[in-house]
Amino acid sequence: MKANRKFKEADERAVSAVIGVILMVAITVAIAATVYVYVSGMIGGGTDKAPDMAFSKETTPVRGIRLVSADPGLTWSSFSITGAGTFTETNVLAGQFIPLAGTNGTITIVYTATNTLMGTWTWA
């Protein structure tokens, strides 16, 4: 009995049980949210990625860019090409030439699915 009295005689204040439970739940939720954000960034969200492509800039006889290599199965409708002259190809194939519109300017190619800049080439 004396052991129980020892705790009752103390005149210390503490956090109520309800507030303690609320604080523990809030801390657990905050930790869970932090772990989720960290792990979801590591795993990766989307499966879309920009294709691998290589271009070379040409100046003679006509200014433009030549596609050196590209992932298979691509179509030019997946890209936004600005500053190019007449270009009517459908499938993306190595060796294709994209002419510059005019003698000076810039050609820019963007992969629209991921809004990734594939390249910018400028002639002055």
Protein backbone atom coordinates (compact mmCIF):
# COMPACT_ATOMS: atom_id res chain seq x y z
CA MET A 1 0.00 0.00 0.00
CA LYS A 2 2.80 2.38 0.72
CA ALA A 3 4.11 1.99 -2.80
CA ASN A 4 0.82 3.31 -4.25
CA ARG A 5 0.73 6.27 -1.85
CA LYS A 6 4.09 7.37 -3.09
CA PHE A 7 2.64 8.18 -6.49
CA LYS A 8 -0.51 9.82 -5.12
CA GLU A 9 1.35 12.18 -2.85
CA ALA A 10 3.35 13.74 -5.63
CA ASP A 11 1.90 17.05 -6.79
CA GLU A 12 3.08 16.88 -10.39
CA ARG A 13 0.98 17.71 -13.40
CA ALA A 14 1.01 15.60 -16.58
CA VAL A 15 -0.57 15.59 -20.03
CA SER A 16 -4.00 13.99 -20.03
CA ALA A 17 -4.35 10.55 -21.60
CA VAL A 18 -6.58 11.85 -24.43
CA ILE A 19 -4.09 14.53 -25.47
CA GLY A 20 -1.25 12.00 -25.23
CA VAL A 21 -3.06 9.61 -27.59
CA ILE A 22 -3.82 12.43 -30.05
CA LEU A 23 -0.16 13.48 -30.05
CA MET A 24 1.01 9.90 -30.66
CA VAL A 25 -1.42 9.47 -33.56
CA ALA A 26 -0.37 12.80 -35.09
CA ILE A 27 3.32 11.93 -34.84
CA THR A 28 2.69 8.49 -36.37
CA VAL A 29 0.76 10.02 -39.30
CA ALA A 30 3.51 12.58 -39.89
CA ILE A 31 6.20 9.88 -39.91
CA ALA A 32 4.13 7.67 -42.23
CA ALA A 33 3.60 10.57 -44.65
CA THR A 34 7.31 11.40 -44.66
CA VAL A 35 8.27 7.79 -45.34
CA TYR A 36 5.68 7.55 -48.13
CA VAL A 37 6.98 10.68 -49.88
CA TYR A 38 10.57 9.48 -49.56
CA VAL A 39 9.86 5.96 -50.86
CA SER A 40 7.54 7.05 -53.69
CA GLY A 41 10.29 9.33 -55.00
CA MET A 42 12.77 6.47 -54.98
CA ILE A 43 10.49 3.97 -56.70
CA GLY A 44 9.58 6.35 -59.51
CA GLY A 45 6.19 7.51 -60.58
CA GLY A 46 5.83 7.34 -64.31
CA THR A 47 6.88 4.87 -66.91
CA ASP A 48 7.22 7.51 -69.62
CA LYS A 49 10.75 8.58 -70.38
CA ALA A 50 12.26 10.52 -73.20
CA PRO A 51 13.57 8.35 -76.04
CA ASP A 52 17.28 8.08 -76.74
CA MET A 53 18.12 10.04 -79.87
CA ALA A 54 21.28 11.50 -81.35
CA PHE A 55 21.45 14.31 -83.91
CA SER A 56 24.22 15.94 -85.89
CA LYS A 57 24.18 19.55 -87.07
CA GLU A 58 24.88 20.03 -90.78
CA THR A 59 25.66 23.24 -92.61
CA THR A 60 26.35 22.17 -96.19
CA PRO A 61 24.80 21.97 -98.69
CA VAL A 62 21.61 22.73 -96.72
CA ARG A 63 21.46 23.77 -93.07
CA GLY A 64 19.63 21.36 -90.79
CA ILE A 65 20.04 18.40 -88.48
CA ARG A 66 20.43 14.73 -89.29
CA LEU A 67 19.10 12.00 -87.03
CA VAL A 68 22.05 9.70 -86.27
CA SER A 69 20.27 7.16 -84.05
CA ALA A 70 16.95 6.71 -82.25
CA ASP A 71 14.96 4.20 -80.23
CA PRO A 72 12.85 1.93 -82.47
CA GLY A 73 9.12 2.38 -82.97
CA LEU A 74 8.92 6.16 -82.68
CA THR A 75 6.82 8.44 -84.86
CA TRP A 76 7.37 12.13 -85.49
CA SER A 77 3.82 12.87 -84.30
CA SER A 78 5.16 12.36 -80.74
CA PHE A 79 7.47 15.36 -81.17
CA SER A 80 7.03 19.09 -81.54
CA ILE A 81 9.48 20.47 -84.11
CA THR A 82 9.82 24.24 -84.50
CA GLY A 83 11.95 26.14 -86.96
CA ALA A 84 12.12 23.30 -89.48
CA GLY A 85 11.45 23.58 -93.16
CA THR A 86 9.42 21.07 -95.16
CA PHE A 87 9.59 17.76 -93.33
CA THR A 88 6.97 15.10 -94.13
CA GLU A 89 8.40 11.92 -92.60
CA THR A 90 6.11 9.78 -90.39
CA ASN A 91 8.38 7.21 -88.73
CA VAL A 92 11.56 8.15 -86.91
CA LEU A 93 14.49 6.50 -88.71
CA ALA A 94 18.24 7.01 -88.51
CA GLY A 95 19.61 9.06 -91.40
CA GLN A 96 16.60 11.37 -91.77
CA PHE A 97 17.38 15.02 -92.43
CA ILE A 98 15.37 17.89 -90.92
CA PRO A 99 16.07 21.09 -92.88
CA LEU A 100 16.16 24.56 -91.34
CA ALA A 101 13.43 26.95 -92.51
CA GLY A 102 15.42 29.72 -94.16
CA THR A 103 19.17 30.30 -94.00
CA ASN A 104 19.42 31.36 -90.34
CA GLY A 105 17.38 30.38 -87.32
CA THR A 106 16.84 27.67 -84.73
CA ILE A 107 15.42 24.16 -84.81
CA THR A 108 13.98 22.89 -81.54
CA ILE A 109 12.67 19.37 -80.94
CA VAL A 110 10.54 18.53 -77.89
CA TYR A 111 9.19 15.08 -76.95
CA THR A 112 5.59 15.97 -76.13
CA ALA A 113 4.73 12.96 -73.92
CA THR A 114 7.13 14.11 -71.20
CA ASN A 115 7.74 17.68 -72.42
CA THR A 116 11.45 16.87 -72.69
CA LEU A 117 13.70 19.08 -74.79
CA MET A 118 15.55 16.77 -77.19
CA GLY A 119 17.74 19.54 -78.56
CA THR A 120 18.12 23.04 -79.93
CA TRP A 121 20.37 23.92 -82.86
CA THR A 122 21.03 27.49 -84.02
CA TRP A 123 22.55 28.91 -87.21
CA ALA A 124 23.48 32.58 -87.48
